[in-house]
Amino acid sequence: MKVDLEKFRDQGYLIVENAVPPDQLQDLRLSVELMVDGEKARDARGLWR
């Protein structure tokens, strides 16, 4: 894998294509969605203020 360090330094992130096998994407998306929803619920209750 070739990494453009200059782009990483400028943007602060990398895009790694095909890092997650296609058959695992739906499960990963659901897991992330559940985590985000949980954080939003906590924030709405004022637990992060």
Protein backbone atom coordinates (compact mmCIF):
# COMPACT_ATOMS: atom_id res chain seq x y z
CA MET A 1 0.00 0.00 0.00
CA LYS A 2 1.35 3.40 -0.98
CA VAL A 3 0.74 6.23 1.50
CA ASP A 4 0.98 9.89 0.53
CA LEU A 5 2.47 11.29 3.73
CA GLU A 6 2.24 14.89 2.55
CA LYS A 7 -1.49 14.54 1.92
CA PHE A 8 -1.90 12.87 5.32
CA ARG A 9 -0.07 15.73 7.04
CA ASP A 10 -2.19 18.32 5.20
CA GLN A 11 -5.57 16.63 5.64
CA GLY A 12 -5.03 14.69 8.85
CA TYR A 13 -6.57 11.45 7.62
CA LEU A 14 -6.09 8.63 5.13
CA ILE A 15 -8.55 6.87 2.87
CA VAL A 16 -7.78 3.17 2.75
CA GLU A 17 -9.72 1.60 -0.08
CA ASN A 18 -10.96 -1.99 0.30
CA ALA A 19 -9.87 -2.14 3.95
CA VAL A 20 -13.17 -3.80 4.92
CA PRO A 21 -14.37 -6.77 2.89
CA PRO A 22 -17.68 -5.99 1.12
CA ASP A 23 -19.50 -8.79 2.94
CA GLN A 24 -18.74 -7.09 6.29
CA LEU A 25 -19.75 -3.54 5.36
CA GLN A 26 -23.41 -3.76 6.35
CA ASP A 27 -22.59 -5.08 9.83
CA LEU A 28 -19.93 -2.39 10.28
CA ARG A 29 -22.31 0.36 9.18
CA LEU A 30 -24.95 -0.85 11.63
CA SER A 31 -22.43 -0.96 14.49
CA VAL A 32 -21.26 2.59 13.77
CA GLU A 33 -24.83 3.83 13.47
CA LEU A 34 -25.69 2.32 16.87
CA MET A 35 -22.63 3.93 18.47
CA VAL A 36 -23.43 7.34 16.98
CA ASP A 37 -27.07 7.10 18.09
CA GLY A 38 -25.93 6.20 21.62
CA GLU A 39 -23.62 9.22 21.76
CA LYS A 40 -26.38 11.50 20.48
CA ALA A 41 -28.75 10.18 23.15
CA ARG A 42 -26.17 10.79 25.88
CA ASP A 43 -25.52 14.30 24.60
CA ALA A 44 -29.26 15.03 24.47
CA ARG A 45 -29.50 14.09 28.16
CA GLY A 46 -26.64 16.49 28.93
CA LEU A 47 -24.16 13.84 30.02
CA TRP A 48 -21.33 15.35 27.97
CA ARG A 49 -21.75 18.94 29.09
